[in-house]
C-alpha atoms as a PDB file:
ATOM      1  CA  MET A   1      -0.078 -10.482 -22.530  1.00  0.00           C
ATOM      2  CA  SER A   2       2.210  -7.453 -21.364  1.00  0.00           C
ATOM      3  CA  VAL A   3       3.535  -6.593 -17.989  1.00  0.00           C
ATOM      4  CA  ILE A   4       1.578  -3.130 -16.576  1.00  0.00           C
ATOM      5  CA  SER A   5       3.073  -0.291 -15.149  1.00  0.00           C
ATOM      6  CA  GLN A   6       2.601  -0.401 -11.371  1.00  0.00           C
ATOM      7  CA  PRO A   7      -1.254   1.099 -10.922  1.00  0.00           C
ATOM      8  CA  THR A   8      -2.143   4.350  -9.011  1.00  0.00           C
ATOM      9  CA  LYS A   9      -3.912   2.238  -6.660  1.00  0.00           C
ATOM     10  CA  ILE A  10      -5.429  -1.355  -6.479  1.00  0.00           C
ATOM     11  CA  VAL A  11      -9.674  -1.185  -5.503  1.00  0.00           C
ATOM     12  CA  CYS A  12     -10.713  -4.079  -4.381  1.00  0.00           C
ATOM     13  CA  VAL A  13     -14.421  -5.440  -3.046  1.00  0.00           C
ATOM     14  CA  GLY A  14     -15.067  -7.405  -0.228  1.00  0.00           C
ATOM     15  CA  ARG A  15     -17.281 -10.490   0.149  1.00  0.00           C
ATOM     16  CA  ASN A  16     -18.514 -10.134  -3.829  1.00  0.00           C
ATOM     17  CA  TYR A  17     -18.769 -13.673  -2.922  1.00  0.00           C
ATOM     18  CA  ALA A  18     -21.277 -15.128  -1.146  1.00  0.00           C
ATOM     19  CA  ALA A  19     -19.556 -18.360  -0.538  1.00  0.00           C
ATOM     20  CA  HIS A  20     -16.633 -16.180   0.876  1.00  0.00           C
ATOM     21  CA  ALA A  21     -18.875 -13.841   3.190  1.00  0.00           C
ATOM     22  CA  ARG A  22     -20.094 -16.993   4.512  1.00  0.00           C
ATOM     23  CA  GLU A  23     -17.321 -18.535   5.355  1.00  0.00           C
ATOM     24  CA  LEU A  24     -15.350 -15.668   6.966  1.00  0.00           C
ATOM     25  CA  GLY A  25     -18.810 -15.402   9.501  1.00  0.00           C
ATOM     26  CA  ASN A  26     -19.978 -12.116   7.346  1.00  0.00           C
ATOM     27  CA  GLU A  27     -23.279 -10.412   6.152  1.00  0.00           C
ATOM     28  CA  LEU A  28     -23.914 -10.266   2.196  1.00  0.00           C
ATOM     29  CA  PRO A  29     -22.676  -6.046   1.935  1.00  0.00           C
ATOM     30  CA  THR A  30     -26.005  -4.869  -0.208  1.00  0.00           C
ATOM     31  CA  GLU A  31     -23.563  -2.326  -1.737  1.00  0.00           C
ATOM     32  CA  PRO A  32     -19.969  -3.211  -2.755  1.00  0.00           C
ATOM     33  CA  LEU A  33     -17.647  -3.273  -0.020  1.00  0.00           C
ATOM     34  CA  ILE A  34     -14.511  -1.521  -0.962  1.00  0.00           C
ATOM     35  CA  PHE A  35     -10.759  -0.680   0.186  1.00  0.00           C
ATOM     36  CA  LEU A  36      -7.675  -0.106  -1.090  1.00  0.00           C
ATOM     37  CA  LYS A  37      -3.925  -2.557  -1.668  1.00  0.00           C
ATOM     38  CA  PRO A  38      -0.790  -0.374  -1.710  1.00  0.00           C
ATOM     39  CA  PRO A  39       1.524  -0.695  -5.203  1.00  0.00           C
ATOM     40  CA  SER A  40       4.167  -0.751  -3.409  1.00  0.00           C
ATOM     41  CA  ALA A  41       2.079  -4.190  -2.645  1.00  0.00           C
ATOM     42  CA  VAL A  42       2.155  -4.721  -5.947  1.00  0.00           C
ATOM     43  CA  ILE A  43       5.263  -7.869  -7.352  1.00  0.00           C
ATOM     44  CA  ARG A  44       5.401 -10.259  -9.835  1.00  0.00           C
ATOM     45  CA  SER A  45       5.536 -13.738 -10.528  1.00  0.00           C
ATOM     46  CA  GLY A  46       8.138 -15.691  -9.201  1.00  0.00           C
ATOM     47  CA  THR A  47       8.298 -12.991  -6.456  1.00  0.00           C
ATOM     48  CA  PRO A  48       8.616 -14.497  -3.623  1.00  0.00           C
ATOM     49  CA  ILE A  49       5.622 -13.456  -1.112  1.00  0.00           C
ATOM     50  CA  LEU A  50       7.301 -12.273   2.695  1.00  0.00           C
ATOM     51  CA  LEU A  51       5.282 -13.928   5.191  1.00  0.00           C
ATOM     52  CA  PRO A  52       5.978 -10.727   8.296  1.00  0.00           C
ATOM     53  CA  PRO A  53       6.234 -11.730  11.946  1.00  0.00           C
ATOM     54  CA  GLU A  54       3.734  -9.853  13.112  1.00  0.00           C
ATOM     55  CA  SER A  55       1.516 -12.266  11.541  1.00  0.00           C
ATOM     56  CA  ARG A  56       0.560 -16.010  11.913  1.00  0.00           C
ATOM     57  CA  ARG A  57      -2.137 -15.993   9.084  1.00  0.00           C
ATOM     58  CA  VAL A  58      -1.492 -15.488   5.812  1.00  0.00           C
ATOM     59  CA  GLU A  59      -4.171 -16.330   3.125  1.00  0.00           C
ATOM     60  CA  HIS A  60      -4.254 -15.914  -0.185  1.00  0.00           C
ATOM     61  CA  GLU A  61      -7.593 -14.907  -1.945  1.00  0.00           C
ATOM     62  CA  ALA A  62      -7.541 -15.165  -6.149  1.00  0.00           C
ATOM     63  CA  GLU A  63      -9.572 -12.822  -7.647  1.00  0.00           C
ATOM     64  CA  ILE A  64     -10.029 -11.836 -11.339  1.00  0.00           C
ATOM     65  CA  GLY A  65      -8.190  -8.472 -11.416  1.00  0.00           C
ATOM     66  CA  VAL A  66      -9.492  -6.264 -13.854  1.00  0.00           C
ATOM     67  CA  VAL A  67      -7.371  -2.579 -15.560  1.00  0.00           C
ATOM     68  CA  ILE A  68      -8.874  -0.234 -16.406  1.00  0.00           C
ATOM     69  CA  GLY A  69      -7.180   0.952 -20.377  1.00  0.00           C
ATOM     70  CA  LYS A  70      -8.281   5.152 -19.341  1.00  0.00           C
ATOM     71  CA  ARG A  71      -9.315   7.153 -16.649  1.00  0.00           C
ATOM     72  CA  ALA A  72     -12.399   7.110 -15.485  1.00  0.00           C
ATOM     73  CA  ARG A  73     -15.097   9.031 -13.446  1.00  0.00           C
ATOM     74  CA  HIS A  74     -18.527   8.418 -13.576  1.00  0.00           C
ATOM     75  CA  VAL A  75     -18.496   5.730 -16.088  1.00  0.00           C
ATOM     76  CA  THR A  76     -21.860   4.098 -15.995  1.00  0.00           C
ATOM     77  CA  ALA A  77     -22.673   0.417 -16.325  1.00  0.00           C
ATOM     78  CA  GLU A  78     -24.364   0.387 -19.779  1.00  0.00           C
ATOM     79  CA  GLU A  79     -20.103   2.119 -20.412  1.00  0.00           C
ATOM     80  CA  ALA A  80     -17.843   0.317 -18.488  1.00  0.00           C
ATOM     81  CA  VAL A  81     -16.435  -2.821 -20.483  1.00  0.00           C
ATOM     82  CA  SER A  82     -15.275   0.251 -23.170  1.00  0.00           C
ATOM     83  CA  TYR A  83     -13.069   1.210 -19.630  1.00  0.00           C
ATOM     84  CA  ILE A  84     -11.729  -1.991 -19.355  1.00  0.00           C
ATOM     85  CA  GLY A  85      -8.024  -2.570 -20.786  1.00  0.00           C
ATOM     86  CA  GLY A  86      -7.092  -6.316 -20.347  1.00  0.00           C
ATOM     87  CA  ILE A  87      -7.973  -8.589 -17.123  1.00  0.00           C
ATOM     88  CA  VAL A  88      -4.991 -10.177 -14.460  1.00  0.00           C
ATOM     89  CA  PRO A  89      -4.708 -12.611 -11.773  1.00  0.00           C
ATOM     90  CA  VAL A  90      -4.267 -11.127  -8.334  1.00  0.00           C
ATOM     91  CA  ASN A  91      -3.257 -12.020  -5.106  1.00  0.00           C
ATOM     92  CA  ASP A  92      -4.839 -10.456  -2.560  1.00  0.00           C
ATOM     93  CA  VAL A  93      -3.614 -12.189   0.056  1.00  0.00           C
ATOM     94  CA  THR A  94      -4.068 -10.889   3.659  1.00  0.00           C
ATOM     95  CA  ALA A  95      -2.959 -11.364   7.904  1.00  0.00           C
ATOM     96  CA  ARG A  96      -6.236 -12.880   8.592  1.00  0.00           C
ATOM     97  CA  ASP A  97      -5.444 -12.687  12.521  1.00  0.00           C
ATOM     98  CA  LEU A  98      -4.534  -8.799  11.407  1.00  0.00           C
ATOM     99  CA  GLN A  99      -7.465  -7.803   9.775  1.00  0.00           C
ATOM    100  CA  LYS A 100      -9.761  -9.928  12.937  1.00  0.00           C
ATOM    101  CA  VAL A 101      -7.594  -7.467  15.385  1.00  0.00           C
ATOM    102  CA  ASP A 102      -7.815  -3.877  13.020  1.00  0.00           C
ATOM    103  CA  VAL A 103     -11.222  -4.648  11.943  1.00  0.00           C
ATOM    104  CA  GLN A 104     -10.752  -2.135   8.457  1.00  0.00           C
ATOM    105  CA  PHE A 105      -8.202  -4.600   6.351  1.00  0.00           C
ATOM    106  CA  THR A 106      -5.245  -1.966   5.974  1.00  0.00           C
ATOM    107  CA  ARG A 107      -2.348  -3.141   7.723  1.00  0.00           C
ATOM    108  CA  ALA A 108      -3.744  -7.166   6.596  1.00  0.00           C
ATOM    109  CA  LYS A 109      -3.007  -6.716   2.879  1.00  0.00           C
ATOM    110  CA  GLY A 110      -1.201  -3.916   2.676  1.00  0.00           C
ATOM    111  CA  PHE A 111       2.629  -5.308   3.386  1.00  0.00           C
ATOM    112  CA  ASP A 112       4.806  -5.350   0.715  1.00  0.00           C
ATOM    113  CA  THR A 113       4.992  -8.375  -1.401  1.00  0.00           C
ATOM    114  CA  PHE A 114       0.967  -9.154  -0.480  1.00  0.00           C
ATOM    115  CA  CYS A 115      -0.532  -7.812  -3.927  1.00  0.00           C
ATOM    116  CA  PRO A 116       1.387 -11.256  -6.999  1.00  0.00           C
ATOM    117  CA  VAL A 117      -0.531  -9.629 -10.420  1.00  0.00           C
ATOM    118  CA  GLY A 118       0.199 -11.467 -13.687  1.00  0.00           C
ATOM    119  CA  ALA A 119       1.056 -10.186 -16.866  1.00  0.00           C
ATOM    120  CA  VAL A 120      -2.049  -8.054 -18.831  1.00  0.00           C
ATOM    121  CA  SER A 121      -4.096  -9.520 -21.343  1.00  0.00           C
ATOM    122  CA  PRO A 122      -7.707  -8.929 -22.757  1.00  0.00           C
ATOM    123  CA  LEU A 123     -10.684  -9.498 -22.547  1.00  0.00           C
ATOM    124  CA  PRO A 124     -12.212 -12.877 -23.730  1.00  0.00           C
ATOM    125  CA  ASN A 125     -14.748 -12.145 -26.719  1.00  0.00           C
ATOM    126  CA  GLY A 126     -15.109  -8.228 -24.654  1.00  0.00           C
ATOM    127  CA  ASP A 127     -17.401 -10.509 -22.059  1.00  0.00           C
ATOM    128  CA  TRP A 128     -16.738 -10.511 -18.117  1.00  0.00           C
ATOM    129  CA  SER A 129     -18.985 -13.078 -17.473  1.00  0.00           C
ATOM    130  CA  THR A 130     -17.328 -15.909 -18.399  1.00  0.00           C
ATOM    131  CA  LEU A 131     -14.185 -15.625 -16.637  1.00  0.00           C
ATOM    132  CA  GLU A 132     -12.850 -17.751 -14.553  1.00  0.00           C
ATOM    133  CA  VAL A 133     -10.616 -17.631 -11.399  1.00  0.00           C
ATOM    134  CA  ILE A 134      -9.033 -20.533 -10.103  1.00  0.00           C
ATOM    135  CA  CYS A 135      -5.967 -20.701  -6.564  1.00  0.00           C
ATOM    136  CA  ARG A 136      -3.726 -23.616  -6.307  1.00  0.00           C
ATOM    137  CA  VAL A 137      -1.181 -23.858  -3.534  1.00  0.00           C
ATOM    138  CA  ASN A 138       1.520 -27.146  -4.138  1.00  0.00           C
ATOM    139  CA  GLY A 139      -0.774 -27.748  -7.478  1.00  0.00           C
ATOM    140  CA  ALA A 140      -3.399 -28.842  -4.827  1.00  0.00           C
ATOM    141  CA  LEU A 141      -7.058 -26.888  -6.026  1.00  0.00           C
ATOM    142  CA  ARG A 142      -7.596 -24.351  -3.135  1.00  0.00           C
ATOM    143  CA  GLN A 143     -10.547 -21.765  -5.079  1.00  0.00           C
ATOM    144  CA  HIS A 144     -12.741 -21.874  -7.603  1.00  0.00           C
ATOM    145  CA  GLY A 145     -14.777 -18.947  -9.168  1.00  0.00           C
ATOM    146  CA  THR A 146     -16.988 -17.802 -11.821  1.00  0.00           C
ATOM    147  CA  ALA A 147     -17.269 -14.002 -12.364  1.00  0.00           C
ATOM    148  CA  THR A 148     -21.691 -14.841 -12.158  1.00  0.00           C
ATOM    149  CA  ASP A 149     -20.796 -15.791  -8.923  1.00  0.00           C
ATOM    150  CA  MET A 150     -20.660 -12.336  -7.642  1.00  0.00           C
ATOM    151  CA  ILE A 151     -22.830 -10.309  -6.251  1.00  0.00           C
ATOM    152  CA  PHE A 152     -22.014  -7.525  -8.055  1.00  0.00           C
ATOM    153  CA  GLY A 153     -20.426  -7.612 -11.319  1.00  0.00           C
ATOM    154  CA  VAL A 154     -18.522  -5.714 -12.959  1.00  0.00           C
ATOM    155  CA  PRO A 155     -19.769  -2.666 -14.902  1.00  0.00           C
ATOM    156  CA  GLN A 156     -21.838  -2.464 -11.415  1.00  0.00           C
ATOM    157  CA  LEU A 157     -18.064  -2.431  -9.173  1.00  0.00           C
ATOM    158  CA  ILE A 158     -16.834   0.199 -12.442  1.00  0.00           C
ATOM    159  CA  ALA A 159     -19.135   2.125 -12.367  1.00  0.00           C
ATOM    160  CA  TYR A 160     -19.660   2.494  -8.131  1.00  0.00           C
ATOM    161  CA  ILE A 161     -16.390   3.203  -7.917  1.00  0.00           C
ATOM    162  CA  THR A 162     -15.940   6.054  -9.868  1.00  0.00           C
ATOM    163  CA  GLY A 163     -19.026   7.189  -8.486  1.00  0.00           C
ATOM    164  CA  ILE A 164     -16.071   7.567  -5.843  1.00  0.00           C
ATOM    165  CA  MET A 165     -12.777   8.192  -6.929  1.00  0.00           C
ATOM    166  CA  THR A 166     -11.274   8.458 -11.139  1.00  0.00           C
ATOM    167  CA  LEU A 167      -9.312   5.190 -11.422  1.00  0.00           C
ATOM    168  CA  GLU A 168      -6.106   6.443 -14.765  1.00  0.00           C
ATOM    169  CA  ALA A 169      -5.220   4.067 -16.871  1.00  0.00           C
ATOM    170  CA  GLY A 170      -3.730   0.846 -15.357  1.00  0.00           C
ATOM    171  CA  ASP A 171      -5.372   1.430 -11.752  1.00  0.00           C
ATOM    172  CA  ILE A 172      -6.661  -2.281 -11.064  1.00  0.00           C
ATOM    173  CA  ILE A 173      -9.958  -3.683  -9.743  1.00  0.00           C
ATOM    174  CA  ALA A 174      -9.428  -6.282  -7.712  1.00  0.00           C
ATOM    175  CA  THR A 175     -12.867  -7.388  -8.509  1.00  0.00           C
ATOM    176  CA  GLY A 176     -13.281 -10.542  -4.698  1.00  0.00           C
ATOM    177  CA  THR A 177     -12.216 -14.085  -3.796  1.00  0.00           C
ATOM    178  CA  PRO A 178     -14.395 -17.316  -3.965  1.00  0.00           C
ATOM    179  CA  ALA A 179     -15.148 -19.566  -0.568  1.00  0.00           C
ATOM    180  CA  GLY A 180     -11.621 -21.985  -0.115  1.00  0.00           C
ATOM    181  CA  VAL A 181      -9.027 -19.177   1.370  1.00  0.00           C
ATOM    182  CA  GLY A 182      -6.425 -20.494   3.289  1.00  0.00           C
ATOM    183  CA  PRO A 183      -2.674 -21.110   4.708  1.00  0.00           C
ATOM    184  CA  LEU A 184       0.448 -19.906   3.490  1.00  0.00           C
ATOM    185  CA  VAL A 185       3.584 -21.283   5.266  1.00  0.00           C
ATOM    186  CA  GLU A 186       6.592 -21.367   3.827  1.00  0.00           C
ATOM    187  CA  GLY A 187       7.731 -23.612   1.124  1.00  0.00           C
ATOM    188  CA  ASP A 188       3.996 -23.375  -0.200  1.00  0.00           C
ATOM    189  CA  GLU A 189       4.240 -22.441  -3.787  1.00  0.00           C
ATOM    190  CA  VAL A 190       0.428 -20.197  -4.624  1.00  0.00           C
ATOM    191  CA  GLU A 191      -0.721 -19.880  -7.937  1.00  0.00           C
ATOM    192  CA  VAL A 192      -3.418 -17.712  -8.934  1.00  0.00           C
ATOM    193  CA  GLU A 193      -4.874 -18.562 -12.879  1.00  0.00           C
ATOM    194  CA  ILE A 194      -7.858 -17.183 -14.655  1.00  0.00           C
ATOM    195  CA  PRO A 195      -7.811 -19.717 -17.042  1.00  0.00           C
ATOM    196  CA  GLY A 196      -8.160 -17.692 -21.239  1.00  0.00           C
ATOM    197  CA  VAL A 197      -6.475 -14.984 -19.706  1.00  0.00           C
ATOM    198  CA  GLY A 198      -2.567 -15.739 -17.743  1.00  0.00           C
ATOM    199  CA  ALA A 199      -1.805 -17.308 -13.843  1.00  0.00           C
ATOM    200  CA  VAL A 200       0.510 -15.544 -11.470  1.00  0.00           C
ATOM    201  CA  ARG A 201       2.677 -18.148  -9.193  1.00  0.00           C
ATOM    202  CA  ASN A 202       4.925 -17.015  -6.089  1.00  0.00           C
ATOM    203  CA  PRO A 203       6.880 -19.076  -3.852  1.00  0.00           C
ATOM    204  CA  VAL A 204       6.282 -18.462   0.042  1.00  0.00           C
ATOM    205  CA  GLN A 205       9.190 -17.258   2.448  1.00  0.00           C
ATOM    206  CA  VAL A 206      10.213 -15.786   6.094  1.00  0.00           C
ATOM    207  CA  ALA A 207      10.813 -12.142   5.922  1.00  0.00           C
ATOM    208  CA  SER A 208      13.760 -12.292   7.240  1.00  0.00           C
ATOM    209  CA  ARG A 209      14.532  -8.467   9.352  1.00  0.00           C
END
């Protein structure tokens, strides 16, 4: 495993697990719903997630992160796996109340510390479909999903996104979160694990300003 360099962008996929879309009362997308998190949100394992005073409801979202291995533009689904440079656990931390107020996602998901990312590992056996993602808060299971539960699989996502924008080596696609998202409060420790790949663990603190 190795720590990735700072990505130029983190492309996130919303509502890519049917059960999660339903738990938030959203319709299932007919094509990938994408948005960006800023690179300034990235933190590593052990760095605190800071709860901003602007929000009263910050939630965890455990995700399988796909690290792009080489510049990618107009990649086909058939070619997509060859562009995967590695896999990382990602926590798409979200201020849920601000997301509802704003409708779009930039503020709710863009605060500093809102993108914990683990160390990068090779794609196990070259097969994205075997991946799982687990979230625990204070050791208690909150989320568990598999890549086969995704509405749009990894090759489809790479093809779709690179049809819109160029992905550079080191960029991350956060592929969506399974059901079970929930609140984080000061004193929590949240862990996102991809079995066979690794985990990212972060304490939760109230931001001091």
